[in-house]
Amino acid sequence: MAEVSAPRACVYTCLIGGYEALNEQPMAAASGLDFLCFTDDPTLTSASWKLVPHSPAFPLDPVRSQRMVKLSPHDVLPGYDVSLYIDNSVILTVPPEEVIARYLPPGTPAAMPGHSFRASVRDEFMEVLRMGLDDGGRVLEQLNHYVMSDPAALDPAPFWSAIMLRRHHEPDVIAAMRLWLAQVLRYSRRDQLSGTYALRCTDLEMRRIEVDNLESWFHRWPVTEARDRGAFPFSPILSQVPAALLAEDWRRDRAALEARIEVLEQALAAAETGVIRLEASKAARPDSATSAESEPDCTPAPPISIPNGTRTSPTSGPVSWLARLAGRLSGRRNS
């Protein structure tokens, strides 16, 4: 009788678009499993992850490109039977073998933690709308779809999809993941809004792991570094603006900031020259009062004329460093 080999397992994550630093996983050294990170950054390095080059399906939509990897282990992991997916912001605190053995025993097709902070999927919809985490029109369209087609899908507490365990080649798992991904591509990219609906439609028995999302016996979250979700193309608003318009917008911002920096630098140089002359004059005439004519000119520079009206300095994006430099120069000149 042929010997049946044990299922081959791995841990994987996906980092597309470079909007945050890759977290190392100390438990990789204590594990016999492969730790795989799918990424579009050829310069990325890691001591714990094996980096897998990946071309995003949507170069200007890294969020949905990441979701395609997250919800398609049956396609991206053909050499493995079992996978433990974790968001980059999740750090494992025990070897992954222990997590798989506890929550994905033989006969269990998939498992995910429940959401610690939402009483229902409906609450998750309202939070996404309240926080502006995605395009409101698309979110409301999705909510209306579920209300009309399967209102009971809005009642349970949602799953928390930052951690997912799957026997990802089983037909029921594949069917559920494909429908879930279709929902993300059609509606909101916030996948927790569509997970319960997809699971109900495909009858996949997803085991609910009852742990606190922030910290448990096997993980801690969130661990983020250098994350900028508000920058294009991660912003739900900016991601819908044509790239050509954004590029022209940034060019005008950059030109205005460079002009402002030049004015401030000239004013600062003039002020420093005036101070030097004043100090020299005081040294030559220590007992005489300084006349008003000897004071440096500290008159504020006139505002820069910018096409299309007043513009606000961006807080992130290609010209943010220019805005910060202009701010520093203004502070030095006014001090």
C-alpha atoms as a PDB file:
ATOM      1  CA  MET A   1       0.000   0.000   0.000  1.00  0.00           C
ATOM      2  CA  ALA A   2       1.393   3.377  -1.037  1.00  0.00           C
ATOM      3  CA  GLU A   3       2.369   5.677   1.797  1.00  0.00           C
ATOM      4  CA  VAL A   4       0.325   8.883   1.995  1.00  0.00           C
ATOM      5  CA  SER A   5       2.598  11.880   2.423  1.00  0.00           C
ATOM      6  CA  ALA A   6       1.775  14.548   4.989  1.00  0.00           C
ATOM      7  CA  PRO A   7       0.280  17.778   3.648  1.00  0.00           C
ATOM      8  CA  ARG A   8       2.925  20.343   2.854  1.00  0.00           C
ATOM      9  CA  ALA A   9       2.314  23.631   4.680  1.00  0.00           C
ATOM     10  CA  CYS A  10       3.675  27.166   4.507  1.00  0.00           C
ATOM     11  CA  VAL A  11       3.206  30.647   5.948  1.00  0.00           C
ATOM     12  CA  TYR A  12       2.731  33.494   3.510  1.00  0.00           C
ATOM     13  CA  THR A  13       2.058  37.213   3.241  1.00  0.00           C
ATOM     14  CA  CYS A  14       1.968  39.807   0.486  1.00  0.00           C
ATOM     15  CA  LEU A  15       3.512  43.280   0.309  1.00  0.00           C
ATOM     16  CA  ILE A  16       2.502  45.198  -2.809  1.00  0.00           C
ATOM     17  CA  GLY A  17       3.149  48.866  -3.464  1.00  0.00           C
ATOM     18  CA  GLY A  18       5.750  49.441  -0.747  1.00  0.00           C
ATOM     19  CA  TYR A  19       3.462  51.452   1.541  1.00  0.00           C
ATOM     20  CA  GLU A  20       4.998  49.974   4.706  1.00  0.00           C
ATOM     21  CA  ALA A  21       8.139  48.183   5.849  1.00  0.00           C
ATOM     22  CA  LEU A  22       8.248  44.385   5.807  1.00  0.00           C
ATOM     23  CA  ASN A  23       8.068  42.916   9.308  1.00  0.00           C
ATOM     24  CA  GLU A  24      10.490  40.130  10.138  1.00  0.00           C
ATOM     25  CA  GLN A  25       9.073  36.970  11.736  1.00  0.00           C
ATOM     26  CA  PRO A  26      11.337  35.689  14.555  1.00  0.00           C
ATOM     27  CA  MET A  27       9.384  32.408  14.698  1.00  0.00           C
ATOM     28  CA  ALA A  28      10.620  31.495  11.222  1.00  0.00           C
ATOM     29  CA  ALA A  29      13.889  30.377  12.820  1.00  0.00           C
ATOM     30  CA  ALA A  30      11.990  27.972  15.103  1.00  0.00           C
ATOM     31  CA  SER A  31       9.833  26.565  12.299  1.00  0.00           C
ATOM     32  CA  GLY A  32      10.359  23.949   9.633  1.00  0.00           C
ATOM     33  CA  LEU A  33       7.863  25.649   7.307  1.00  0.00           C
ATOM     34  CA  ASP A  34       8.617  27.994   4.448  1.00  0.00           C
ATOM     35  CA  PHE A  35       7.800  31.671   5.053  1.00  0.00           C
ATOM     36  CA  LEU A  36       6.918  33.244   1.693  1.00  0.00           C
ATOM     37  CA  CYS A  37       6.414  36.939   0.959  1.00  0.00           C
ATOM     38  CA  PHE A  38       4.946  37.877  -2.416  1.00  0.00           C
ATOM     39  CA  THR A  39       6.217  41.317  -3.408  1.00  0.00           C
ATOM     40  CA  ASP A  40       6.643  43.621  -6.375  1.00  0.00           C
ATOM     41  CA  ASP A  41       9.727  45.291  -4.835  1.00  0.00           C
ATOM     42  CA  PRO A  42      12.928  43.851  -6.358  1.00  0.00           C
ATOM     43  CA  THR A  43      15.070  45.662  -3.772  1.00  0.00           C
ATOM     44  CA  LEU A  44      13.342  44.142  -0.746  1.00  0.00           C
ATOM     45  CA  THR A  45      15.468  41.962   1.550  1.00  0.00           C
ATOM     46  CA  SER A  46      14.563  39.810   4.539  1.00  0.00           C
ATOM     47  CA  ALA A  47      16.212  37.573   7.108  1.00  0.00           C
ATOM     48  CA  SER A  48      13.086  35.499   7.745  1.00  0.00           C
ATOM     49  CA  TRP A  49      11.003  35.595   4.564  1.00  0.00           C
ATOM     50  CA  LYS A  50      11.692  33.947   1.237  1.00  0.00           C
ATOM     51  CA  LEU A  51      10.821  36.710  -1.227  1.00  0.00           C
ATOM     52  CA  VAL A  52       8.667  35.674  -4.181  1.00  0.00           C
ATOM     53  CA  PRO A  53       8.615  38.203  -7.072  1.00  0.00           C
ATOM     54  CA  HIS A  54       5.037  39.031  -8.005  1.00  0.00           C
ATOM     55  CA  SER A  55       3.678  41.377 -10.664  1.00  0.00           C
ATOM     56  CA  PRO A  56       0.512  43.062  -9.384  1.00  0.00           C
ATOM     57  CA  ALA A  57      -2.609  42.503 -11.431  1.00  0.00           C
ATOM     58  CA  PHE A  58      -3.518  46.186 -11.046  1.00  0.00           C
ATOM     59  CA  PRO A  59      -0.383  48.385 -10.842  1.00  0.00           C
ATOM     60  CA  LEU A  60      -2.444  51.402  -9.727  1.00  0.00           C
ATOM     61  CA  ASP A  61      -4.560  49.390  -7.288  1.00  0.00           C
ATOM     62  CA  PRO A  62      -2.105  47.634  -4.952  1.00  0.00           C
ATOM     63  CA  VAL A  63      -4.845  46.893  -2.410  1.00  0.00           C
ATOM     64  CA  ARG A  64      -6.896  44.721  -4.761  1.00  0.00           C
ATOM     65  CA  SER A  65      -3.683  43.282  -6.199  1.00  0.00           C
ATOM     66  CA  GLN A  66      -2.774  42.178  -2.670  1.00  0.00           C
ATOM     67  CA  ARG A  67      -6.262  40.707  -2.179  1.00  0.00           C
ATOM     68  CA  MET A  68      -5.788  38.538  -5.248  1.00  0.00           C
ATOM     69  CA  VAL A  69      -2.793  36.861  -3.612  1.00  0.00           C
ATOM     70  CA  LYS A  70      -4.474  36.706  -0.214  1.00  0.00           C
ATOM     71  CA  LEU A  71      -7.638  35.017  -1.531  1.00  0.00           C
ATOM     72  CA  SER A  72      -6.027  32.778  -4.159  1.00  0.00           C
ATOM     73  CA  PRO A  73      -3.628  30.412  -2.364  1.00  0.00           C
ATOM     74  CA  HIS A  74      -4.876  27.629  -4.660  1.00  0.00           C
ATOM     75  CA  ASP A  75      -3.317  29.567  -7.565  1.00  0.00           C
ATOM     76  CA  VAL A  76      -0.186  31.127  -6.031  1.00  0.00           C
ATOM     77  CA  LEU A  77       0.839  28.161  -3.841  1.00  0.00           C
ATOM     78  CA  PRO A  78       0.563  25.104  -6.103  1.00  0.00           C
ATOM     79  CA  GLY A  79       3.333  23.253  -4.256  1.00  0.00           C
ATOM     80  CA  TYR A  80       1.626  23.452  -0.853  1.00  0.00           C
ATOM     81  CA  ASP A  81      -1.553  21.892   0.508  1.00  0.00           C
ATOM     82  CA  VAL A  82      -2.034  23.941   3.688  1.00  0.00           C
ATOM     83  CA  SER A  83      -1.318  27.615   4.204  1.00  0.00           C
ATOM     84  CA  LEU A  84      -1.317  30.078   7.079  1.00  0.00           C
ATOM     85  CA  TYR A  85      -1.829  33.558   5.680  1.00  0.00           C
ATOM     86  CA  ILE A  86      -0.952  36.560   7.865  1.00  0.00           C
ATOM     87  CA  ASP A  87      -1.097  40.263   7.103  1.00  0.00           C
ATOM     88  CA  ASN A  88       2.294  41.931   7.240  1.00  0.00           C
ATOM     89  CA  SER A  89       1.165  43.693  10.436  1.00  0.00           C
ATOM     90  CA  VAL A  90       0.720  40.356  12.275  1.00  0.00           C
ATOM     91  CA  ILE A  91       3.670  38.900  14.196  1.00  0.00           C
ATOM     92  CA  LEU A  92       3.612  35.218  15.146  1.00  0.00           C
ATOM     93  CA  THR A  93       4.787  34.493  18.686  1.00  0.00           C
ATOM     94  CA  VAL A  94       4.833  30.672  18.461  1.00  0.00           C
ATOM     95  CA  PRO A  95       5.931  28.339  15.654  1.00  0.00           C
ATOM     96  CA  PRO A  96       3.199  28.171  12.972  1.00  0.00           C
ATOM     97  CA  GLU A  97       3.052  24.388  13.223  1.00  0.00           C
ATOM     98  CA  GLU A  98       1.368  24.789  16.623  1.00  0.00           C
ATOM     99  CA  VAL A  99      -1.264  27.133  15.186  1.00  0.00           C
ATOM    100  CA  ILE A 100      -2.052  24.807  12.291  1.00  0.00           C
ATOM    101  CA  ALA A 101      -2.224  21.744  14.523  1.00  0.00           C
ATOM    102  CA  ARG A 102      -4.641  23.447  16.922  1.00  0.00           C
ATOM    103  CA  TYR A 103      -7.015  25.146  14.495  1.00  0.00           C
ATOM    104  CA  LEU A 104      -6.761  23.138  11.281  1.00  0.00           C
ATOM    105  CA  PRO A 105      -6.853  19.448  12.283  1.00  0.00           C
ATOM    106  CA  PRO A 106      -7.768  16.803   9.682  1.00  0.00           C
ATOM    107  CA  GLY A 107     -11.315  17.322   8.484  1.00  0.00           C
ATOM    108  CA  THR A 108     -11.289  21.103   9.036  1.00  0.00           C
ATOM    109  CA  PRO A 109     -11.093  22.887   5.661  1.00  0.00           C
ATOM    110  CA  ALA A 110     -10.485  26.472   6.859  1.00  0.00           C
ATOM    111  CA  ALA A 111     -10.306  28.643   9.973  1.00  0.00           C
ATOM    112  CA  MET A 112     -10.220  32.370  10.761  1.00  0.00           C
ATOM    113  CA  PRO A 113     -10.478  34.506  13.886  1.00  0.00           C
ATOM    114  CA  GLY A 114     -13.729  36.305  14.562  1.00  0.00           C
ATOM    115  CA  HIS A 115     -13.686  40.101  14.658  1.00  0.00           C
ATOM    116  CA  SER A 116     -13.123  41.397  18.186  1.00  0.00           C
ATOM    117  CA  PHE A 117     -14.610  44.863  17.665  1.00  0.00           C
ATOM    118  CA  ARG A 118     -17.760  44.380  15.569  1.00  0.00           C
ATOM    119  CA  ALA A 119     -21.027  42.779  16.671  1.00  0.00           C
ATOM    120  CA  SER A 120     -22.203  42.264  13.084  1.00  0.00           C
ATOM    121  CA  VAL A 121     -21.198  42.608   9.446  1.00  0.00           C
ATOM    122  CA  ARG A 122     -23.671  45.493   9.312  1.00  0.00           C
ATOM    123  CA  ASP A 123     -21.605  47.271  11.974  1.00  0.00           C
ATOM    124  CA  GLU A 124     -18.495  46.750   9.865  1.00  0.00           C
ATOM    125  CA  PHE A 125     -20.224  48.385   6.891  1.00  0.00           C
ATOM    126  CA  MET A 126     -21.165  51.379   9.028  1.00  0.00           C
ATOM    127  CA  GLU A 127     -17.629  51.722  10.410  1.00  0.00           C
ATOM    128  CA  VAL A 128     -16.105  51.656   6.923  1.00  0.00           C
ATOM    129  CA  LEU A 129     -18.543  54.380   5.861  1.00  0.00           C
ATOM    130  CA  ARG A 130     -17.981  56.434   9.024  1.00  0.00           C
ATOM    131  CA  MET A 131     -14.182  56.293   8.739  1.00  0.00           C
ATOM    132  CA  GLY A 132     -14.135  56.857   4.971  1.00  0.00           C
ATOM    133  CA  LEU A 133     -12.062  53.706   4.462  1.00  0.00           C
ATOM    134  CA  ASP A 134     -13.398  53.152   0.952  1.00  0.00           C
ATOM    135  CA  ASP A 135     -15.528  54.841  -1.680  1.00  0.00           C
ATOM    136  CA  GLY A 136     -18.911  55.418  -0.049  1.00  0.00           C
ATOM    137  CA  GLY A 137     -20.903  54.865  -3.218  1.00  0.00           C
ATOM    138  CA  ARG A 138     -19.372  51.485  -3.825  1.00  0.00           C
ATOM    139  CA  VAL A 139     -19.787  50.435  -0.197  1.00  0.00           C
ATOM    140  CA  LEU A 140     -23.443  51.453  -0.183  1.00  0.00           C
ATOM    141  CA  GLU A 141     -24.056  49.613  -3.447  1.00  0.00           C
ATOM    142  CA  GLN A 142     -22.577  46.478  -1.888  1.00  0.00           C
ATOM    143  CA  LEU A 143     -24.637  46.902   1.279  1.00  0.00           C
ATOM    144  CA  ASN A 144     -27.813  47.295  -0.783  1.00  0.00           C
ATOM    145  CA  HIS A 145     -26.925  44.140  -2.750  1.00  0.00           C
ATOM    146  CA  TYR A 146     -26.645  42.096   0.437  1.00  0.00           C
ATOM    147  CA  VAL A 147     -29.784  43.594   1.979  1.00  0.00           C
ATOM    148  CA  MET A 148     -31.774  42.551  -1.079  1.00  0.00           C
ATOM    149  CA  SER A 149     -30.180  39.172  -1.820  1.00  0.00           C
ATOM    150  CA  ASP A 150     -29.125  37.760   1.584  1.00  0.00           C
ATOM    151  CA  PRO A 151     -29.923  40.082   4.515  1.00  0.00           C
ATOM    152  CA  ALA A 152     -28.997  37.360   7.039  1.00  0.00           C
ATOM    153  CA  ALA A 153     -25.386  37.696   5.868  1.00  0.00           C
ATOM    154  CA  LEU A 154     -25.278  41.048   7.677  1.00  0.00           C
ATOM    155  CA  ASP A 155     -26.237  39.678  11.083  1.00  0.00           C
ATOM    156  CA  PRO A 156     -23.254  37.573  12.291  1.00  0.00           C
ATOM    157  CA  ALA A 157     -20.053  39.059  13.645  1.00  0.00           C
ATOM    158  CA  PRO A 158     -17.601  39.314  10.749  1.00  0.00           C
ATOM    159  CA  PHE A 159     -14.456  37.283  10.452  1.00  0.00           C
ATOM    160  CA  TRP A 160     -11.104  39.005  10.937  1.00  0.00           C
ATOM    161  CA  SER A 161      -9.172  38.223   7.788  1.00  0.00           C
ATOM    162  CA  ALA A 162      -5.678  39.282   8.908  1.00  0.00           C
ATOM    163  CA  ILE A 163      -5.086  35.581   9.740  1.00  0.00           C
ATOM    164  CA  MET A 164      -6.391  32.733   7.573  1.00  0.00           C
ATOM    165  CA  LEU A 165      -5.736  28.994   7.696  1.00  0.00           C
ATOM    166  CA  ARG A 166      -6.839  26.944   4.682  1.00  0.00           C
ATOM    167  CA  ARG A 167      -6.546  23.548   3.074  1.00  0.00           C
ATOM    168  CA  HIS A 168      -6.554  25.567  -0.056  1.00  0.00           C
ATOM    169  CA  HIS A 169      -6.832  22.850  -2.712  1.00  0.00           C
ATOM    170  CA  GLU A 170     -10.127  21.484  -1.391  1.00  0.00           C
ATOM    171  CA  PRO A 171     -12.983  22.247  -3.826  1.00  0.00           C
ATOM    172  CA  ASP A 172     -15.174  23.967  -1.212  1.00  0.00           C
ATOM    173  CA  VAL A 173     -12.323  26.268  -0.198  1.00  0.00           C
ATOM    174  CA  ILE A 174     -11.503  27.149  -3.799  1.00  0.00           C
ATOM    175  CA  ALA A 175     -15.152  27.944  -4.578  1.00  0.00           C
ATOM    176  CA  ALA A 176     -15.492  30.189  -1.515  1.00  0.00           C
ATOM    177  CA  MET A 177     -12.242  32.037  -2.166  1.00  0.00           C
ATOM    178  CA  ARG A 178     -13.130  32.669  -5.813  1.00  0.00           C
ATOM    179  CA  LEU A 179     -16.524  34.134  -4.930  1.00  0.00           C
ATOM    180  CA  TRP A 180     -14.990  36.185  -2.114  1.00  0.00           C
ATOM    181  CA  LEU A 181     -12.383  37.610  -4.483  1.00  0.00           C
ATOM    182  CA  ALA A 182     -15.062  38.408  -7.044  1.00  0.00           C
ATOM    183  CA  GLN A 183     -16.883  40.449  -4.409  1.00  0.00           C
ATOM    184  CA  VAL A 184     -13.701  42.379  -3.586  1.00  0.00           C
ATOM    185  CA  LEU A 185     -13.037  43.112  -7.257  1.00  0.00           C
ATOM    186  CA  ARG A 186     -16.639  44.185  -7.891  1.00  0.00           C
ATOM    187  CA  TYR A 187     -17.392  46.037  -4.646  1.00  0.00           C
ATOM    188  CA  SER A 188     -15.362  47.322  -1.698  1.00  0.00           C
ATOM    189  CA  ARG A 189     -11.734  46.326  -1.365  1.00  0.00           C
ATOM    190  CA  ARG A 190     -12.377  45.951   2.401  1.00  0.00           C
ATOM    191  CA  ASP A 191     -12.589  42.160   2.264  1.00  0.00           C
ATOM    192  CA  GLN A 192     -14.190  41.759   5.697  1.00  0.00           C
ATOM    193  CA  LEU A 193     -17.384  43.219   4.243  1.00  0.00           C
ATOM    194  CA  SER A 194     -17.798  40.377   1.749  1.00  0.00           C
ATOM    195  CA  GLY A 195     -16.329  37.352   3.555  1.00  0.00           C
ATOM    196  CA  THR A 196     -19.466  36.235   5.382  1.00  0.00           C
ATOM    197  CA  TYR A 197     -21.595  36.589   2.236  1.00  0.00           C
ATOM    198  CA  ALA A 198     -19.154  34.512   0.147  1.00  0.00           C
ATOM    199  CA  LEU A 199     -18.940  31.781   2.790  1.00  0.00           C
ATOM    200  CA  ARG A 200     -22.741  31.559   3.083  1.00  0.00           C
ATOM    201  CA  CYS A 201     -23.204  31.354  -0.685  1.00  0.00           C
ATOM    202  CA  THR A 202     -20.717  28.479  -1.019  1.00  0.00           C
ATOM    203  CA  ASP A 203     -21.562  26.651   2.241  1.00  0.00           C
ATOM    204  CA  LEU A 204     -17.924  26.524   3.322  1.00  0.00           C
ATOM    205  CA  GLU A 205     -17.704  25.586   6.995  1.00  0.00           C
ATOM    206  CA  MET A 206     -15.228  28.159   8.227  1.00  0.00           C
ATOM    207  CA  ARG A 207     -14.054  27.455  11.768  1.00  0.00           C
ATOM    208  CA  ARG A 208     -14.228  30.614  13.905  1.00  0.00           C
ATOM    209  CA  ILE A 209     -11.163  31.107  16.117  1.00  0.00           C
ATOM    210  CA  GLU A 210     -12.142  32.928  19.287  1.00  0.00           C
ATOM    211  CA  VAL A 211      -9.111  35.073  20.130  1.00  0.00           C
ATOM    212  CA  ASP A 212      -8.571  38.762  20.731  1.00  0.00           C
ATOM    213  CA  ASN A 213      -7.449  40.396  17.514  1.00  0.00           C
ATOM    214  CA  LEU A 214      -4.854  42.548  19.269  1.00  0.00           C
ATOM    215  CA  GLU A 215      -2.986  39.709  20.998  1.00  0.00           C
ATOM    216  CA  SER A 216      -3.370  36.013  21.669  1.00  0.00           C
ATOM    217  CA  TRP A 217      -1.300  33.000  22.644  1.00  0.00           C
ATOM    218  CA  PHE A 218       0.122  32.863  19.100  1.00  0.00           C
ATOM    219  CA  HIS A 219       0.195  36.429  17.702  1.00  0.00           C
ATOM    220  CA  ARG A 220       0.253  40.189  18.250  1.00  0.00           C
ATOM    221  CA  TRP A 221      -1.159  42.953  16.071  1.00  0.00           C
ATOM    222  CA  PRO A 222      -0.833  45.594  14.720  1.00  0.00           C
ATOM    223  CA  VAL A 223       2.894  45.967  14.150  1.00  0.00           C
ATOM    224  CA  THR A 224       3.418  48.640  11.512  1.00  0.00           C
ATOM    225  CA  GLU A 225       6.370  50.725  10.423  1.00  0.00           C
ATOM    226  CA  ALA A 226       6.584  53.519   7.864  1.00  0.00           C
ATOM    227  CA  ARG A 227       2.965  52.948   6.837  1.00  0.00           C
ATOM    228  CA  ASP A 228       1.207  55.644   4.808  1.00  0.00           C
ATOM    229  CA  ARG A 229      -2.314  54.547   3.891  1.00  0.00           C
ATOM    230  CA  GLY A 230      -3.290  58.084   2.915  1.00  0.00           C
ATOM    231  CA  ALA A 231      -0.847  58.282   0.022  1.00  0.00           C
ATOM    232  CA  PHE A 232      -1.772  57.517  -3.559  1.00  0.00           C
ATOM    233  CA  PRO A 233      -2.722  54.899  -4.600  1.00  0.00           C
ATOM    234  CA  PHE A 234      -3.840  53.583  -1.189  1.00  0.00           C
ATOM    235  CA  SER A 235      -6.175  56.475  -0.449  1.00  0.00           C
ATOM    236  CA  PRO A 236      -9.747  55.413  -1.344  1.00  0.00           C
ATOM    237  CA  ILE A 237     -10.326  58.868  -2.837  1.00  0.00           C
ATOM    238  CA  LEU A 238      -7.045  59.419  -4.683  1.00  0.00           C
ATOM    239  CA  SER A 239      -7.147  55.886  -6.097  1.00  0.00           C
ATOM    240  CA  GLN A 240     -10.186  56.899  -8.158  1.00  0.00           C
ATOM    241  CA  VAL A 241      -8.634  60.048  -9.654  1.00  0.00           C
ATOM    242  CA  PRO A 242      -7.067  59.601 -13.128  1.00  0.00           C
ATOM    243  CA  ALA A 243      -3.298  59.365 -12.761  1.00  0.00           C
ATOM    244  CA  ALA A 244      -2.710  62.082 -15.387  1.00  0.00           C
ATOM    245  CA  LEU A 245      -4.714  64.581 -13.333  1.00  0.00           C
ATOM    246  CA  LEU A 246      -2.820  63.654 -10.167  1.00  0.00           C
ATOM    247  CA  ALA A 247       0.501  64.045 -11.978  1.00  0.00           C
ATOM    248  CA  GLU A 248      -0.455  67.534 -13.215  1.00  0.00           C
ATOM    249  CA  ASP A 249      -1.677  68.413  -9.730  1.00  0.00           C
ATOM    250  CA  TRP A 250       1.625  67.328  -8.205  1.00  0.00           C
ATOM    251  CA  ARG A 251       3.612  69.253 -10.826  1.00  0.00           C
ATOM    252  CA  ARG A 252       1.792  72.464  -9.892  1.00  0.00           C
ATOM    253  CA  ASP A 253       2.327  71.754  -6.191  1.00  0.00           C
ATOM    254  CA  ARG A 254       6.017  71.157  -6.772  1.00  0.00           C
ATOM    255  CA  ALA A 255       6.489  74.326  -8.852  1.00  0.00           C
ATOM    256  CA  ALA A 256       4.689  76.436  -6.243  1.00  0.00           C
ATOM    257  CA  LEU A 257       6.696  74.958  -3.370  1.00  0.00           C
ATOM    258  CA  GLU A 258      10.013  75.356  -5.195  1.00  0.00           C
ATOM    259  CA  ALA A 259       9.165  79.010  -5.873  1.00  0.00           C
ATOM    260  CA  ARG A 260       8.242  79.509  -2.233  1.00  0.00           C
ATOM    261  CA  ILE A 261      11.462  77.859  -1.044  1.00  0.00           C
ATOM    262  CA  GLU A 262      13.527  80.112  -3.325  1.00  0.00           C
ATOM    263  CA  VAL A 263      11.821  83.241  -1.924  1.00  0.00           C
ATOM    264  CA  LEU A 264      12.309  82.047   1.653  1.00  0.00           C
ATOM    265  CA  GLU A 265      15.961  81.196   1.055  1.00  0.00           C
ATOM    266  CA  GLN A 266      16.595  84.657  -0.437  1.00  0.00           C
ATOM    267  CA  ALA A 267      14.797  86.347   2.457  1.00  0.00           C
ATOM    268  CA  LEU A 268      16.725  84.249   4.976  1.00  0.00           C
ATOM    269  CA  ALA A 269      20.050  85.104   3.337  1.00  0.00           C
ATOM    270  CA  ALA A 270      19.148  88.808   3.325  1.00  0.00           C
ATOM    271  CA  ALA A 271      18.115  88.669   6.985  1.00  0.00           C
ATOM    272  CA  GLU A 272      21.328  86.892   7.985  1.00  0.00           C
ATOM    273  CA  THR A 273      23.367  89.495   6.065  1.00  0.00           C
ATOM    274  CA  GLY A 274      21.470  92.283   7.854  1.00  0.00           C
ATOM    275  CA  VAL A 275      22.162  90.705  11.241  1.00  0.00           C
ATOM    276  CA  ILE A 276      25.867  90.448  10.473  1.00  0.00           C
ATOM    277  CA  ARG A 277      25.993  94.104   9.424  1.00  0.00           C
ATOM    278  CA  LEU A 278      24.054  95.175  12.517  1.00  0.00           C
ATOM    279  CA  GLU A 279      26.398  93.276  14.825  1.00  0.00           C
ATOM    280  CA  ALA A 280      29.391  94.783  13.083  1.00  0.00           C
ATOM    281  CA  SER A 281      27.866  98.251  13.449  1.00  0.00           C
ATOM    282  CA  LYS A 282      27.210  97.686  17.160  1.00  0.00           C
ATOM    283  CA  ALA A 283      30.767  96.513  17.667  1.00  0.00           C
ATOM    284  CA  ALA A 284      32.088  99.665  15.997  1.00  0.00           C
ATOM    285  CA  ARG A 285      29.737 101.983  17.964  1.00  0.00           C
ATOM    286  CA  PRO A 286      29.034 100.218  21.282  1.00  0.00           C
ATOM    287  CA  ASP A 287      27.578 103.348  22.974  1.00  0.00           C
ATOM    288  CA  SER A 288      25.285 104.496  20.214  1.00  0.00           C
ATOM    289  CA  ALA A 289      21.650 103.444  19.771  1.00  0.00           C
ATOM    290  CA  THR A 290      20.795 101.386  16.796  1.00  0.00           C
ATOM    291  CA  SER A 291      18.681 103.270  14.302  1.00  0.00           C
ATOM    292  CA  ALA A 292      15.616 101.764  12.696  1.00  0.00           C
ATOM    293  CA  GLU A 293      17.391 101.918   9.332  1.00  0.00           C
ATOM    294  CA  SER A 294      20.009  99.420  10.586  1.00  0.00           C
ATOM    295  CA  GLU A 295      17.478  96.759  11.504  1.00  0.00           C
ATOM    296  CA  PRO A 296      17.229  93.762   9.152  1.00  0.00           C
ATOM    297  CA  ASP A 297      14.204  93.647   6.915  1.00  0.00           C
ATOM    298  CA  CYS A 298      11.823  91.103   8.413  1.00  0.00           C
ATOM    299  CA  THR A 299       8.823  92.005   6.289  1.00  0.00           C
ATOM    300  CA  PRO A 300       6.952  88.779   5.412  1.00  0.00           C
ATOM    301  CA  ALA A 301       7.457  87.699   1.833  1.00  0.00           C
ATOM    302  CA  PRO A 302       4.427  88.259  -0.401  1.00  0.00           C
ATOM    303  CA  PRO A 303       2.289  85.204  -1.091  1.00  0.00           C
ATOM    304  CA  ILE A 304       3.107  83.160  -4.158  1.00  0.00           C
ATOM    305  CA  SER A 305       0.572  83.367  -6.946  1.00  0.00           C
ATOM    306  CA  ILE A 306      -0.564  79.848  -7.768  1.00  0.00           C
ATOM    307  CA  PRO A 307      -2.692  78.893 -10.788  1.00  0.00           C
ATOM    308  CA  ASN A 308      -6.244  77.789 -10.014  1.00  0.00           C
ATOM    309  CA  GLY A 309      -6.402  79.512  -6.618  1.00  0.00           C
ATOM    310  CA  THR A 310      -4.942  78.797  -3.209  1.00  0.00           C
ATOM    311  CA  ARG A 311      -3.493  75.346  -2.705  1.00  0.00           C
ATOM    312  CA  THR A 312      -2.813  73.509   0.529  1.00  0.00           C
ATOM    313  CA  SER A 313       0.502  71.808   1.147  1.00  0.00           C
ATOM    314  CA  PRO A 314       0.269  68.020   0.811  1.00  0.00           C
ATOM    315  CA  THR A 315       1.071  65.884   3.842  1.00  0.00           C
ATOM    316  CA  SER A 316       2.192  62.898   1.814  1.00  0.00           C
ATOM    317  CA  GLY A 317       3.159  62.089  -1.730  1.00  0.00           C
ATOM    318  CA  PRO A 318       5.865  63.122  -4.197  1.00  0.00           C
ATOM    319  CA  VAL A 319       6.152  66.766  -3.042  1.00  0.00           C
ATOM    320  CA  SER A 320       5.706  66.350   0.703  1.00  0.00           C
ATOM    321  CA  TRP A 321       9.400  66.860   1.437  1.00  0.00           C
ATOM    322  CA  LEU A 322       9.285  70.205  -0.361  1.00  0.00           C
ATOM    323  CA  ALA A 323       6.349  71.272   1.784  1.00  0.00           C
ATOM    324  CA  ARG A 324       8.233  70.294   4.934  1.00  0.00           C
ATOM    325  CA  LEU A 325      11.327  72.216   3.752  1.00  0.00           C
ATOM    326  CA  ALA A 326       9.229  75.314   3.068  1.00  0.00           C
ATOM    327  CA  GLY A 327       7.763  75.030   6.554  1.00  0.00           C
ATOM    328  CA  ARG A 328      11.191  74.781   8.155  1.00  0.00           C
ATOM    329  CA  LEU A 329      12.462  77.784   6.218  1.00  0.00           C
ATOM    330  CA  SER A 330       9.397  79.808   7.209  1.00  0.00           C
ATOM    331  CA  GLY A 331      10.021  78.913  10.849  1.00  0.00           C
ATOM    332  CA  ARG A 332      13.665  79.924  10.683  1.00  0.00           C
ATOM    333  CA  ARG A 333      12.816  83.230   9.040  1.00  0.00           C
ATOM    334  CA  ASN A 334      10.078  84.103  11.522  1.00  0.00           C
ATOM    335  CA  SER A 335      12.073  83.074  14.600  1.00  0.00           C
END
